[in-house]
Amino acid sequence: MPRTMSVSDSILIRAEPSVVYEQLSDPTAMGRWSPENRGARVLGERRGSYVGMVFEGRNKRGSFRWTTRCTVTAADPGRRFAFRVHAIGARRPRLRAPIALWEYRFEAVDGATRVTETWTDNRRAWPDFLADAFDRVATRGHTFAEFQRGNIRTTLIRLKAALEQDAGLAPEGPHGG
């Protein structure tokens, strides 16, 4: 069976799209919500997100830690934020290769924002059997698509809780969209 190359999920957050965008487009803050990311360091000029901005993300899964290098590919305030992951390594991202694409879309819905997070596997040159074997070792038995589906859901639930709490709103059910 061919591998799933992209997964996404959405949630409704009781906040304006510009507010949600501002939080998600700051790679140094992602560690607040992501089950794997532990924050990032922006390389070069720091003036809000912009296309071409480069950052290094620190990540952790169990006892395994790694760093990725990413470049912002879309920075449309209140509408879309995206970046590509193109290098990886234990302490420094030395291995350069297409790895993944991450995208966040923001849609105003009745005084709230529908946030859609999408992960796309960018390892297109890898044969399916090799990617499947690697994925199952790296994720303890899952494909990356299955694994990322869970990570996306967790990130969105945590983001919703944080932003609505910051706004002083009473918590709602975790799915909300």
C-alpha atoms as a PDB file:
ATOM      1  CA  MET A   1       0.000   0.000   0.000  1.00  0.00           C
ATOM      2  CA  PRO A   2       1.459   3.421  -0.908  1.00  0.00           C
ATOM      3  CA  ARG A   3       2.264   5.680   2.011  1.00  0.00           C
ATOM      4  CA  THR A   4       0.124   8.604   3.027  1.00  0.00           C
ATOM      5  CA  MET A   5       2.026  11.745   2.082  1.00  0.00           C
ATOM      6  CA  SER A   6      -0.071  14.357   3.893  1.00  0.00           C
ATOM      7  CA  VAL A   7      -2.350  14.614   6.929  1.00  0.00           C
ATOM      8  CA  SER A   8      -4.229  17.517   8.443  1.00  0.00           C
ATOM      9  CA  ASP A   9      -6.736  18.392  11.137  1.00  0.00           C
ATOM     10  CA  SER A  10      -8.679  21.479  12.185  1.00  0.00           C
ATOM     11  CA  ILE A  11     -10.034  23.055  15.355  1.00  0.00           C
ATOM     12  CA  LEU A  12     -12.111  26.132  16.171  1.00  0.00           C
ATOM     13  CA  ILE A  13     -10.464  28.636  18.502  1.00  0.00           C
ATOM     14  CA  ARG A  14     -12.397  31.529  20.011  1.00  0.00           C
ATOM     15  CA  ALA A  15      -9.957  34.210  18.878  1.00  0.00           C
ATOM     16  CA  GLU A  16      -9.445  36.387  15.828  1.00  0.00           C
ATOM     17  CA  PRO A  17      -7.384  34.925  12.939  1.00  0.00           C
ATOM     18  CA  SER A  18      -4.737  37.638  13.423  1.00  0.00           C
ATOM     19  CA  VAL A  19      -4.267  36.626  17.082  1.00  0.00           C
ATOM     20  CA  VAL A  20      -3.929  32.927  16.261  1.00  0.00           C
ATOM     21  CA  TYR A  21      -1.588  33.684  13.358  1.00  0.00           C
ATOM     22  CA  GLU A  22       0.636  35.836  15.564  1.00  0.00           C
ATOM     23  CA  GLN A  23       1.138  32.928  17.972  1.00  0.00           C
ATOM     24  CA  LEU A  24       1.610  30.143  15.405  1.00  0.00           C
ATOM     25  CA  SER A  25       3.902  32.158  13.152  1.00  0.00           C
ATOM     26  CA  ASP A  26       6.457  32.546  15.947  1.00  0.00           C
ATOM     27  CA  PRO A  27       8.607  29.396  15.730  1.00  0.00           C
ATOM     28  CA  THR A  28      10.185  30.154  19.113  1.00  0.00           C
ATOM     29  CA  ALA A  29       6.753  29.634  20.750  1.00  0.00           C
ATOM     30  CA  MET A  30       5.801  26.317  19.110  1.00  0.00           C
ATOM     31  CA  GLY A  31       7.176  24.361  22.061  1.00  0.00           C
ATOM     32  CA  ARG A  32       4.221  25.621  24.130  1.00  0.00           C
ATOM     33  CA  TRP A  33       1.832  23.419  22.131  1.00  0.00           C
ATOM     34  CA  SER A  34       3.702  20.736  20.212  1.00  0.00           C
ATOM     35  CA  PRO A  35       4.280  17.330  21.808  1.00  0.00           C
ATOM     36  CA  GLU A  36       7.722  17.138  20.121  1.00  0.00           C
ATOM     37  CA  ASN A  37       8.989  20.637  19.472  1.00  0.00           C
ATOM     38  CA  ARG A  38      10.880  22.375  22.275  1.00  0.00           C
ATOM     39  CA  GLY A  39      11.116  25.790  20.634  1.00  0.00           C
ATOM     40  CA  ALA A  40      13.346  27.300  18.001  1.00  0.00           C
ATOM     41  CA  ARG A  41      16.078  29.794  17.338  1.00  0.00           C
ATOM     42  CA  VAL A  42      15.592  32.257  14.503  1.00  0.00           C
ATOM     43  CA  LEU A  43      18.715  32.744  12.386  1.00  0.00           C
ATOM     44  CA  GLY A  44      19.368  36.228  11.095  1.00  0.00           C
ATOM     45  CA  GLU A  45      16.986  39.134  11.435  1.00  0.00           C
ATOM     46  CA  ARG A  46      14.055  38.737  13.825  1.00  0.00           C
ATOM     47  CA  ARG A  47      11.162  41.031  12.893  1.00  0.00           C
ATOM     48  CA  GLY A  48       8.125  38.789  12.884  1.00  0.00           C
ATOM     49  CA  SER A  49       7.704  36.001  10.386  1.00  0.00           C
ATOM     50  CA  TYR A  50       8.498  36.575   6.752  1.00  0.00           C
ATOM     51  CA  VAL A  51       9.024  34.432   3.668  1.00  0.00           C
ATOM     52  CA  GLY A  52      12.651  33.332   3.680  1.00  0.00           C
ATOM     53  CA  MET A  53      13.080  33.485   7.460  1.00  0.00           C
ATOM     54  CA  VAL A  54      15.259  30.580   8.627  1.00  0.00           C
ATOM     55  CA  PHE A  55      14.996  28.933  12.024  1.00  0.00           C
ATOM     56  CA  GLU A  56      16.336  25.876  13.789  1.00  0.00           C
ATOM     57  CA  GLY A  57      13.785  23.841  15.716  1.00  0.00           C
ATOM     58  CA  ARG A  58      14.719  21.778  18.762  1.00  0.00           C
ATOM     59  CA  ASN A  59      12.765  18.527  19.050  1.00  0.00           C
ATOM     60  CA  LYS A  60      12.418  15.590  21.424  1.00  0.00           C
ATOM     61  CA  ARG A  61      10.669  12.215  21.174  1.00  0.00           C
ATOM     62  CA  GLY A  62      11.278  10.011  24.201  1.00  0.00           C
ATOM     63  CA  SER A  63      15.019  10.122  24.862  1.00  0.00           C
ATOM     64  CA  PHE A  64      15.806  11.014  21.230  1.00  0.00           C
ATOM     65  CA  ARG A  65      16.623  14.690  20.516  1.00  0.00           C
ATOM     66  CA  TRP A  66      17.279  16.375  17.188  1.00  0.00           C
ATOM     67  CA  THR A  67      17.457  19.765  15.499  1.00  0.00           C
ATOM     68  CA  THR A  68      15.930  20.763  12.175  1.00  0.00           C
ATOM     69  CA  ARG A  69      16.570  23.702   9.877  1.00  0.00           C
ATOM     70  CA  CYS A  70      13.453  25.265   8.415  1.00  0.00           C
ATOM     71  CA  THR A  71      12.626  28.069   6.007  1.00  0.00           C
ATOM     72  CA  VAL A  72       9.343  29.986   6.039  1.00  0.00           C
ATOM     73  CA  THR A  73       7.555  29.636   2.686  1.00  0.00           C
ATOM     74  CA  ALA A  74       4.326  31.542   3.476  1.00  0.00           C
ATOM     75  CA  ALA A  75       3.692  34.362   5.948  1.00  0.00           C
ATOM     76  CA  ASP A  76       0.295  35.854   5.163  1.00  0.00           C
ATOM     77  CA  PRO A  77      -0.935  37.377   8.472  1.00  0.00           C
ATOM     78  CA  GLY A  78      -4.269  36.015   9.610  1.00  0.00           C
ATOM     79  CA  ARG A  79      -4.495  33.636   6.657  1.00  0.00           C
ATOM     80  CA  ARG A  80      -1.554  31.258   6.206  1.00  0.00           C
ATOM     81  CA  PHE A  81       1.822  30.348   7.683  1.00  0.00           C
ATOM     82  CA  ALA A  82       4.030  27.585   6.250  1.00  0.00           C
ATOM     83  CA  PHE A  83       7.586  26.338   6.355  1.00  0.00           C
ATOM     84  CA  ARG A  84       9.698  23.564   4.902  1.00  0.00           C
ATOM     85  CA  VAL A  85      12.037  21.362   6.899  1.00  0.00           C
ATOM     86  CA  HIS A  86      15.189  20.818   4.860  1.00  0.00           C
ATOM     87  CA  ALA A  87      17.980  19.753   7.225  1.00  0.00           C
ATOM     88  CA  ILE A  88      18.240  17.567  10.312  1.00  0.00           C
ATOM     89  CA  GLY A  89      20.843  16.464  12.823  1.00  0.00           C
ATOM     90  CA  ALA A  90      21.418  15.516  16.440  1.00  0.00           C
ATOM     91  CA  ARG A  91      22.811  18.829  17.708  1.00  0.00           C
ATOM     92  CA  ARG A  92      23.140  20.721  14.446  1.00  0.00           C
ATOM     93  CA  PRO A  93      21.100  20.195  11.287  1.00  0.00           C
ATOM     94  CA  ARG A  94      23.933  18.894   9.075  1.00  0.00           C
ATOM     95  CA  LEU A  95      22.081  16.398   6.851  1.00  0.00           C
ATOM     96  CA  ARG A  96      20.418  18.430   4.098  1.00  0.00           C
ATOM     97  CA  ALA A  97      17.463  16.880   2.308  1.00  0.00           C
ATOM     98  CA  PRO A  98      13.763  17.530   1.702  1.00  0.00           C
ATOM     99  CA  ILE A  99      12.033  16.303   4.882  1.00  0.00           C
ATOM    100  CA  ALA A 100       8.596  17.839   5.442  1.00  0.00           C
ATOM    101  CA  LEU A 101       6.303  20.759   4.837  1.00  0.00           C
ATOM    102  CA  TRP A 102       4.155  22.253   7.619  1.00  0.00           C
ATOM    103  CA  GLU A 103       1.249  24.600   6.944  1.00  0.00           C
ATOM    104  CA  TYR A 104      -1.263  26.468   9.088  1.00  0.00           C
ATOM    105  CA  ARG A 105      -4.385  28.040   7.579  1.00  0.00           C
ATOM    106  CA  PHE A 106      -6.672  30.445   9.421  1.00  0.00           C
ATOM    107  CA  GLU A 107     -10.337  30.976   8.542  1.00  0.00           C
ATOM    108  CA  ALA A 108     -12.746  33.308  10.353  1.00  0.00           C
ATOM    109  CA  VAL A 109     -15.893  31.395  11.411  1.00  0.00           C
ATOM    110  CA  ASP A 110     -18.628  33.102  13.469  1.00  0.00           C
ATOM    111  CA  GLY A 111     -16.321  35.093  15.755  1.00  0.00           C
ATOM    112  CA  ALA A 112     -13.774  32.283  16.000  1.00  0.00           C
ATOM    113  CA  THR A 113     -10.944  30.950  13.853  1.00  0.00           C
ATOM    114  CA  ARG A 114     -10.757  27.557  12.216  1.00  0.00           C
ATOM    115  CA  VAL A 115      -7.088  26.576  12.330  1.00  0.00           C
ATOM    116  CA  THR A 116      -6.016  23.813   9.966  1.00  0.00           C
ATOM    117  CA  GLU A 117      -2.590  22.269  10.479  1.00  0.00           C
ATOM    118  CA  THR A 118      -1.135  20.140   7.674  1.00  0.00           C
ATOM    119  CA  TRP A 119       1.995  17.991   7.566  1.00  0.00           C
ATOM    120  CA  THR A 120       3.291  16.807   4.192  1.00  0.00           C
ATOM    121  CA  ASP A 121       6.017  14.197   3.840  1.00  0.00           C
ATOM    122  CA  ASN A 122       8.613  15.722   1.535  1.00  0.00           C
ATOM    123  CA  ARG A 123      10.781  12.572   1.361  1.00  0.00           C
ATOM    124  CA  ARG A 124       9.419  11.788  -2.091  1.00  0.00           C
ATOM    125  CA  ALA A 125      12.681  10.258  -3.315  1.00  0.00           C
ATOM    126  CA  TRP A 126      12.528   7.547  -0.640  1.00  0.00           C
ATOM    127  CA  PRO A 127      11.013   4.250  -1.784  1.00  0.00           C
ATOM    128  CA  ASP A 128       7.847   3.441   0.188  1.00  0.00           C
ATOM    129  CA  PHE A 129       9.329   0.281   1.763  1.00  0.00           C
ATOM    130  CA  LEU A 130      12.372   2.220   3.051  1.00  0.00           C
ATOM    131  CA  ALA A 131      10.282   5.109   4.392  1.00  0.00           C
ATOM    132  CA  ASP A 132       7.893   2.651   6.074  1.00  0.00           C
ATOM    133  CA  ALA A 133      10.739   0.755   7.779  1.00  0.00           C
ATOM    134  CA  PHE A 134      12.423   3.974   8.957  1.00  0.00           C
ATOM    135  CA  ASP A 135       9.125   5.467  10.150  1.00  0.00           C
ATOM    136  CA  ARG A 136       8.188   2.415  12.216  1.00  0.00           C
ATOM    137  CA  VAL A 137      11.547   2.494  14.012  1.00  0.00           C
ATOM    138  CA  ALA A 138      11.460   6.280  14.561  1.00  0.00           C
ATOM    139  CA  THR A 139       7.850   6.297  15.813  1.00  0.00           C
ATOM    140  CA  ARG A 140       7.773   2.944  17.635  1.00  0.00           C
ATOM    141  CA  GLY A 141       5.562   1.106  15.184  1.00  0.00           C
ATOM    142  CA  HIS A 142       3.654   3.782  13.267  1.00  0.00           C
ATOM    143  CA  THR A 143       3.996   5.445   9.893  1.00  0.00           C
ATOM    144  CA  PHE A 144       4.901   9.129  10.050  1.00  0.00           C
ATOM    145  CA  ALA A 145       1.444   9.997   8.724  1.00  0.00           C
ATOM    146  CA  GLU A 146      -0.243   8.130  11.608  1.00  0.00           C
ATOM    147  CA  PHE A 147       2.191   9.595  14.104  1.00  0.00           C
ATOM    148  CA  GLN A 148       1.835  13.166  12.818  1.00  0.00           C
ATOM    149  CA  ARG A 149      -1.959  12.892  12.847  1.00  0.00           C
ATOM    150  CA  GLY A 150      -1.731  12.439  16.641  1.00  0.00           C
ATOM    151  CA  ASN A 151       0.852  15.212  17.023  1.00  0.00           C
ATOM    152  CA  ILE A 152      -1.317  17.624  15.045  1.00  0.00           C
ATOM    153  CA  ARG A 153      -4.399  16.868  17.167  1.00  0.00           C
ATOM    154  CA  THR A 154      -2.400  17.380  20.383  1.00  0.00           C
ATOM    155  CA  THR A 155      -0.893  20.646  19.112  1.00  0.00           C
ATOM    156  CA  LEU A 156      -4.286  22.038  18.107  1.00  0.00           C
ATOM    157  CA  ILE A 157      -5.937  21.103  21.425  1.00  0.00           C
ATOM    158  CA  ARG A 158      -3.092  22.686  23.407  1.00  0.00           C
ATOM    159  CA  LEU A 159      -3.130  25.814  21.224  1.00  0.00           C
ATOM    160  CA  LYS A 160      -6.886  26.219  21.699  1.00  0.00           C
ATOM    161  CA  ALA A 161      -6.614  25.799  25.472  1.00  0.00           C
ATOM    162  CA  ALA A 162      -3.739  28.302  25.746  1.00  0.00           C
ATOM    163  CA  LEU A 163      -5.260  31.014  23.555  1.00  0.00           C
ATOM    164  CA  GLU A 164      -8.724  30.770  25.056  1.00  0.00           C
ATOM    165  CA  GLN A 165      -7.281  30.765  28.583  1.00  0.00           C
ATOM    166  CA  ASP A 166      -5.133  33.813  27.727  1.00  0.00           C
ATOM    167  CA  ALA A 167      -8.329  35.521  26.547  1.00  0.00           C
ATOM    168  CA  GLY A 168     -10.088  34.608  29.821  1.00  0.00           C
ATOM    169  CA  LEU A 169     -12.604  32.315  28.137  1.00  0.00           C
ATOM    170  CA  ALA A 170     -14.061  29.301  29.922  1.00  0.00           C
ATOM    171  CA  PRO A 171     -12.746  26.007  28.488  1.00  0.00           C
ATOM    172  CA  GLU A 172     -14.800  24.258  25.854  1.00  0.00           C
ATOM    173  CA  GLY A 173     -14.601  20.658  24.718  1.00  0.00           C
ATOM    174  CA  PRO A 174     -11.226  19.771  23.130  1.00  0.00           C
ATOM    175  CA  HIS A 175     -12.501  19.220  19.617  1.00  0.00           C
ATOM    176  CA  GLY A 176     -14.369  22.423  18.886  1.00  0.00           C
ATOM    177  CA  GLY A 177     -14.187  21.991  15.160  1.00  0.00           C
END
